[in-house]
C-alpha atoms as a PDB file:
ATOM      1  CA  MET A   1     -20.500  31.256   7.617  1.00  0.00           C
ATOM      2  CA  PRO A   2     -20.835  27.879   8.221  1.00  0.00           C
ATOM      3  CA  VAL A   3     -19.869  25.716   5.278  1.00  0.00           C
ATOM      4  CA  ASP A   4     -22.398  23.744   3.009  1.00  0.00           C
ATOM      5  CA  PRO A   5     -21.430  20.149   3.289  1.00  0.00           C
ATOM      6  CA  ASP A   6     -22.812  19.645   0.195  1.00  0.00           C
ATOM      7  CA  GLN A   7     -20.340  21.873  -1.586  1.00  0.00           C
ATOM      8  CA  THR A   8     -17.282  20.063   0.644  1.00  0.00           C
ATOM      9  CA  ALA A   9     -14.583  18.253  -1.484  1.00  0.00           C
ATOM     10  CA  THR A  10     -12.259  15.405  -0.038  1.00  0.00           C
ATOM     11  CA  ILE A  11      -9.054  14.738  -1.695  1.00  0.00           C
ATOM     12  CA  ILE A  12      -7.622  11.044  -0.729  1.00  0.00           C
ATOM     13  CA  THR A  13      -4.021  10.310  -1.527  1.00  0.00           C
ATOM     14  CA  SER A  14      -2.936   6.458  -1.034  1.00  0.00           C
ATOM     15  CA  ARG A  15       0.652   5.511  -0.738  1.00  0.00           C
ATOM     16  CA  ALA A  16       2.324   2.127  -0.513  1.00  0.00           C
ATOM     17  CA  ILE A  17       5.889   2.693   0.934  1.00  0.00           C
ATOM     18  CA  ARG A  18       8.772   1.187  -0.406  1.00  0.00           C
ATOM     19  CA  ALA A  19      10.101  -1.096   2.633  1.00  0.00           C
ATOM     20  CA  GLY A  20      12.957   0.818   4.761  1.00  0.00           C
ATOM     21  CA  HIS A  21      11.611   4.213   3.647  1.00  0.00           C
ATOM     22  CA  GLU A  22       9.083   4.525   6.582  1.00  0.00           C
ATOM     23  CA  GLN A  23      10.773   7.234   8.702  1.00  0.00           C
ATOM     24  CA  GLU A  24      11.269   9.089   5.093  1.00  0.00           C
ATOM     25  CA  PHE A  25       7.315   8.921   4.585  1.00  0.00           C
ATOM     26  CA  GLU A  26       6.989  10.101   8.215  1.00  0.00           C
ATOM     27  CA  GLU A  27       8.798  13.130   7.648  1.00  0.00           C
ATOM     28  CA  TRP A  28       7.448  13.725   4.596  1.00  0.00           C
ATOM     29  CA  VAL A  29       3.725  13.718   5.843  1.00  0.00           C
ATOM     30  CA  GLY A  30       4.872  16.338   8.678  1.00  0.00           C
ATOM     31  CA  GLU A  31       5.492  18.791   5.925  1.00  0.00           C
ATOM     32  CA  LEU A  32       2.481  18.033   3.716  1.00  0.00           C
ATOM     33  CA  ASP A  33       0.793  18.751   7.230  1.00  0.00           C
ATOM     34  CA  ARG A  34       2.144  21.995   7.396  1.00  0.00           C
ATOM     35  CA  LEU A  35       1.509  22.592   3.850  1.00  0.00           C
ATOM     36  CA  VAL A  36      -2.727  21.607   3.872  1.00  0.00           C
ATOM     37  CA  ARG A  37      -2.895  23.546   7.151  1.00  0.00           C
ATOM     38  CA  SER A  38      -2.144  26.764   5.566  1.00  0.00           C
ATOM     39  CA  ALA A  39      -4.385  26.305   2.804  1.00  0.00           C
ATOM     40  CA  PRO A  40      -7.548  28.341   2.089  1.00  0.00           C
ATOM     41  CA  GLY A  41     -10.390  26.193   2.626  1.00  0.00           C
ATOM     42  CA  TYR A  42      -8.591  23.360   4.571  1.00  0.00           C
ATOM     43  CA  ARG A  43     -11.115  22.011   7.251  1.00  0.00           C
ATOM     44  CA  ALA A  44      -9.427  18.664   8.235  1.00  0.00           C
ATOM     45  CA  SER A  45      -7.037  15.853   7.492  1.00  0.00           C
ATOM     46  CA  ILE A  46      -7.122  12.158   8.554  1.00  0.00           C
ATOM     47  CA  ARG A  47      -4.586   9.609   8.298  1.00  0.00           C
ATOM     48  CA  LEU A  48      -5.458   5.927   7.671  1.00  0.00           C
ATOM     49  CA  GLY A  49      -3.031   3.168   7.854  1.00  0.00           C
ATOM     50  CA  GLN A  50      -3.765   0.083   6.151  1.00  0.00           C
ATOM     51  CA  THR A  51      -0.808  -2.088   6.857  1.00  0.00           C
ATOM     52  CA  THR A  52       2.699  -1.557   7.448  1.00  0.00           C
ATOM     53  CA  GLY A  53       3.859   0.853   4.556  1.00  0.00           C
ATOM     54  CA  PHE A  54       0.353   1.375   3.060  1.00  0.00           C
ATOM     55  CA  GLN A  55      -1.427   4.846   4.312  1.00  0.00           C
ATOM     56  CA  HIS A  56      -4.364   6.525   2.853  1.00  0.00           C
ATOM     57  CA  LEU A  57      -4.232  10.614   3.646  1.00  0.00           C
ATOM     58  CA  LEU A  58      -7.602  12.236   3.329  1.00  0.00           C
ATOM     59  CA  PHE A  59      -8.021  16.400   3.173  1.00  0.00           C
ATOM     60  CA  ARG A  60     -11.156  17.690   3.343  1.00  0.00           C
ATOM     61  CA  PHE A  61     -11.629  21.529   1.810  1.00  0.00           C
ATOM     62  CA  ASP A  62     -14.711  24.060   1.635  1.00  0.00           C
ATOM     63  CA  ASP A  63     -15.249  23.145  -1.712  1.00  0.00           C
ATOM     64  CA  ARG A  64     -13.456  21.562  -4.572  1.00  0.00           C
ATOM     65  CA  ASP A  65     -11.934  24.674  -5.993  1.00  0.00           C
ATOM     66  CA  ALA A  66     -10.225  25.119  -2.851  1.00  0.00           C
ATOM     67  CA  ALA A  67      -9.272  21.244  -3.043  1.00  0.00           C
ATOM     68  CA  GLU A  68      -8.099  21.545  -6.771  1.00  0.00           C
ATOM     69  CA  ALA A  69      -6.225  24.704  -6.080  1.00  0.00           C
ATOM     70  CA  TRP A  70      -4.211  23.189  -3.312  1.00  0.00           C
ATOM     71  CA  ASN A  71      -3.571  19.820  -5.003  1.00  0.00           C
ATOM     72  CA  ASP A  72      -2.312  21.771  -8.095  1.00  0.00           C
ATOM     73  CA  ASP A  73      -0.383  23.948  -5.883  1.00  0.00           C
ATOM     74  CA  PRO A  74       3.473  23.779  -7.230  1.00  0.00           C
ATOM     75  CA  ASP A  75       4.877  23.761  -4.119  1.00  0.00           C
ATOM     76  CA  VAL A  76       2.440  20.867  -3.246  1.00  0.00           C
ATOM     77  CA  ARG A  77       3.106  18.987  -6.668  1.00  0.00           C
ATOM     78  CA  ALA A  78       7.129  19.456  -5.800  1.00  0.00           C
ATOM     79  CA  HIS A  79       6.368  17.932  -2.400  1.00  0.00           C
ATOM     80  CA  ALA A  80       4.453  15.136  -3.671  1.00  0.00           C
ATOM     81  CA  ALA A  81       7.287  14.392  -5.996  1.00  0.00           C
ATOM     82  CA  ILE A  82       9.648  13.919  -3.550  1.00  0.00           C
ATOM     83  CA  ALA A  83       7.433  10.892  -2.156  1.00  0.00           C
ATOM     84  CA  ASP A  84       7.583   9.490  -5.476  1.00  0.00           C
ATOM     85  CA  ARG A  85      10.811   8.630  -4.763  1.00  0.00           C
ATOM     86  CA  PHE A  86       9.897   6.134  -2.321  1.00  0.00           C
ATOM     87  CA  SER A  87       6.497   5.268  -2.649  1.00  0.00           C
ATOM     88  CA  THR A  88       4.037   4.891  -5.402  1.00  0.00           C
ATOM     89  CA  SER A  89       0.509   6.808  -5.231  1.00  0.00           C
ATOM     90  CA  LEU A  90      -3.264   6.988  -6.308  1.00  0.00           C
ATOM     91  CA  GLY A  91      -4.985  10.527  -5.599  1.00  0.00           C
ATOM     92  CA  GLN A  92      -8.489  10.980  -5.802  1.00  0.00           C
ATOM     93  CA  ILE A  93     -10.856  13.679  -5.384  1.00  0.00           C
ATOM     94  CA  GLN A  94     -14.825  13.659  -4.724  1.00  0.00           C
ATOM     95  CA  ALA A  95     -17.133  16.834  -3.665  1.00  0.00           C
ATOM     96  CA  GLY A  96     -19.945  16.632  -1.764  1.00  0.00           C
ATOM     97  CA  ASP A  97     -21.102  15.407   1.860  1.00  0.00           C
ATOM     98  CA  GLY A  98     -21.644  11.810   1.034  1.00  0.00           C
ATOM     99  CA  VAL A  99     -18.283  10.847  -0.585  1.00  0.00           C
ATOM    100  CA  ARG A 100     -17.435   7.020  -1.791  1.00  0.00           C
ATOM    101  CA  PHE A 101     -13.718   6.250  -2.733  1.00  0.00           C
ATOM    102  CA  ASP A 102     -12.751   2.762  -3.717  1.00  0.00           C
ATOM    103  CA  LEU A 103      -9.438   2.347  -1.905  1.00  0.00           C
ATOM    104  CA  PRO A 104      -6.196   0.311  -3.369  1.00  0.00           C
ATOM    105  CA  SER A 105      -5.387  -2.625  -1.210  1.00  0.00           C
ATOM    106  CA  ASP A 106      -3.148  -5.381  -0.922  1.00  0.00           C
ATOM    107  CA  ALA A 107      -5.939  -7.470  -3.082  1.00  0.00           C
ATOM    108  CA  SER A 108      -5.225  -5.074  -5.993  1.00  0.00           C
ATOM    109  CA  ALA A 109      -1.933  -6.385  -6.819  1.00  0.00           C
ATOM    110  CA  SER A 110      -2.109  -7.832 -10.451  1.00  0.00           C
ATOM    111  CA  LYS A 111      -2.574 -11.768 -10.299  1.00  0.00           C
ATOM    112  CA  TRP A 112       0.284 -12.506 -12.365  1.00  0.00           C
ATOM    113  CA  LYS A 113       3.047 -10.026 -10.266  1.00  0.00           C
ATOM    114  CA  ARG A 114       1.698 -12.127  -7.201  1.00  0.00           C
ATOM    115  CA  PHE A 115       2.166 -15.640  -8.843  1.00  0.00           C
ATOM    116  CA  VAL A 116       5.812 -14.361  -9.669  1.00  0.00           C
ATOM    117  CA  THR A 117       6.510 -13.449  -6.329  1.00  0.00           C
ATOM    118  CA  THR A 118       5.039 -16.155  -4.461  1.00  0.00           C
ATOM    119  CA  TRP A 119       6.353 -18.943  -6.687  1.00  0.00           C
ATOM    120  CA  LEU A 120      10.108 -17.062  -6.704  1.00  0.00           C
ATOM    121  CA  ALA A 121       9.507 -17.330  -2.201  1.00  0.00           C
ATOM    122  CA  VAL A 122       7.739 -20.447  -2.376  1.00  0.00           C
ATOM    123  CA  PHE A 123      10.308 -22.938  -4.955  1.00  0.00           C
ATOM    124  CA  PRO A 124      13.463 -22.399  -2.455  1.00  0.00           C
ATOM    125  CA  VAL A 125      11.815 -23.201   0.741  1.00  0.00           C
ATOM    126  CA  LEU A 126      10.069 -26.008  -0.613  1.00  0.00           C
ATOM    127  CA  LEU A 127      13.109 -27.460  -2.576  1.00  0.00           C
ATOM    128  CA  VAL A 128      14.997 -27.565   1.257  1.00  0.00           C
ATOM    129  CA  ILE A 129      11.846 -28.697   2.961  1.00  0.00           C
ATOM    130  CA  SER A 130      11.152 -31.442   0.664  1.00  0.00           C
ATOM    131  CA  LEU A 131      14.960 -32.605   0.733  1.00  0.00           C
ATOM    132  CA  ILE A 132      14.789 -32.690   4.210  1.00  0.00           C
ATOM    133  CA  VAL A 133      11.938 -34.762   4.801  1.00  0.00           C
ATOM    134  CA  ARG A 134      12.549 -37.174   2.298  1.00  0.00           C
ATOM    135  CA  THR A 135      16.050 -37.677   3.802  1.00  0.00           C
ATOM    136  CA  ALA A 136      14.437 -38.073   7.268  1.00  0.00           C
ATOM    137  CA  LEU A 137      11.335 -40.040   6.407  1.00  0.00           C
ATOM    138  CA  ARG A 138      12.898 -42.161   3.681  1.00  0.00           C
ATOM    139  CA  GLU A 139      10.923 -45.399   3.597  1.00  0.00           C
ATOM    140  CA  ALA A 140       7.357 -43.598   3.996  1.00  0.00           C
ATOM    141  CA  SER A 141       4.869 -43.362   1.384  1.00  0.00           C
ATOM    142  CA  LEU A 142       4.464 -40.154  -0.785  1.00  0.00           C
ATOM    143  CA  PRO A 143       1.358 -39.058   1.369  1.00  0.00           C
ATOM    144  CA  LEU A 144       3.120 -39.487   4.598  1.00  0.00           C
ATOM    145  CA  GLN A 145       6.327 -37.451   3.276  1.00  0.00           C
ATOM    146  CA  LEU A 146       4.196 -34.857   1.770  1.00  0.00           C
ATOM    147  CA  LEU A 147       1.861 -34.375   5.165  1.00  0.00           C
ATOM    148  CA  PRO A 148       4.928 -32.900   7.289  1.00  0.00           C
ATOM    149  CA  SER A 149       6.504 -31.010   3.935  1.00  0.00           C
ATOM    150  CA  SER A 150       2.987 -29.120   3.441  1.00  0.00           C
ATOM    151  CA  LEU A 151       2.776 -28.353   6.982  1.00  0.00           C
ATOM    152  CA  LEU A 152       6.105 -26.738   7.746  1.00  0.00           C
ATOM    153  CA  LEU A 153       5.794 -24.960   4.079  1.00  0.00           C
ATOM    154  CA  THR A 154       2.412 -23.462   4.833  1.00  0.00           C
ATOM    155  CA  ALA A 155       3.482 -22.493   8.622  1.00  0.00           C
ATOM    156  CA  ILE A 156       6.914 -21.099   6.979  1.00  0.00           C
ATOM    157  CA  LEU A 157       4.660 -19.157   4.416  1.00  0.00           C
ATOM    158  CA  GLN A 158       2.220 -17.762   6.581  1.00  0.00           C
ATOM    159  CA  TRP A 159       4.440 -16.629   9.727  1.00  0.00           C
ATOM    160  CA  ILE A 160       7.577 -15.712   7.984  1.00  0.00           C
ATOM    161  CA  ILE A 161       7.808 -15.347   4.337  1.00  0.00           C
ATOM    162  CA  LEU A 162       4.589 -13.819   3.093  1.00  0.00           C
ATOM    163  CA  PRO A 163       4.660 -10.735   5.432  1.00  0.00           C
ATOM    164  CA  ARG A 164       8.299 -10.026   4.647  1.00  0.00           C
ATOM    165  CA  LEU A 165       7.641 -10.360   1.046  1.00  0.00           C
ATOM    166  CA  GLN A 166       4.619  -8.260   0.691  1.00  0.00           C
ATOM    167  CA  ARG A 167       6.339  -5.765   2.923  1.00  0.00           C
ATOM    168  CA  TYR A 168       9.327  -5.517   0.472  1.00  0.00           C
ATOM    169  CA  THR A 169       7.105  -6.166  -2.855  1.00  0.00           C
ATOM    170  CA  ARG A 170       4.184  -4.073  -2.370  1.00  0.00           C
ATOM    171  CA  PHE A 171       5.553  -0.870  -4.040  1.00  0.00           C
ATOM    172  CA  TRP A 172       6.040  -3.009  -7.104  1.00  0.00           C
ATOM    173  CA  LEU A 173       3.171  -5.307  -6.783  1.00  0.00           C
ATOM    174  CA  LEU A 174       0.359  -2.392  -6.407  1.00  0.00           C
ATOM    175  CA  ARG A 175       1.804  -0.213  -9.519  1.00  0.00           C
ATOM    176  CA  ASP A 176      -0.041  -0.223 -12.684  1.00  0.00           C
ATOM    177  CA  GLY A 177       1.272   0.572 -16.230  1.00  0.00           C
ATOM    178  CA  SER A 178       1.477   4.238 -15.260  1.00  0.00           C
ATOM    179  CA  GLY A 179       3.318   3.839 -12.003  1.00  0.00           C
ATOM    180  CA  HIS A 180       0.423   4.752  -9.796  1.00  0.00           C
ATOM    181  CA  LEU A 181      -1.327   2.499  -6.935  1.00  0.00           C
ATOM    182  CA  GLN A 182      -4.084   0.399  -8.954  1.00  0.00           C
ATOM    183  CA  LYS A 183      -7.820   0.268  -7.333  1.00  0.00           C
END
């Protein structure tokens, strides 16, 4: 008998993976796929990779009861606890044909956490660049010293520091007070 689309349910689990644990996550997802495929009422799964170390796993079920039964299964809970060692998560469930989810993203990070990590990355780089430029352009006016300093700092931040900083701090940046991802 065909399933009524208005009764189907979708579970989405978003996970920010600690840098260096990507292979562990891949193995974990493989086992999760095995668990979900054997669940009564399972229909489909979709995996969306937002950026390196940030994944969204979607699971579709015949109805909300089937979705909740799978999500609350002790084996599934135990398996989720394994991933909690190397990732932080946010789980959501919606029923119906036209479901809508608000997904966490890098923009979800607390402003104070982003400020602290960015400043900690910028300060030493700015210190070194300023020292080099002030030594090389000792006789130049302040605006002429700031021009190469700002260009170098921006380039280093954009292509070297911020991508690495984001990768290594995402796990912490996106956690709320309860240890889950913030939306």
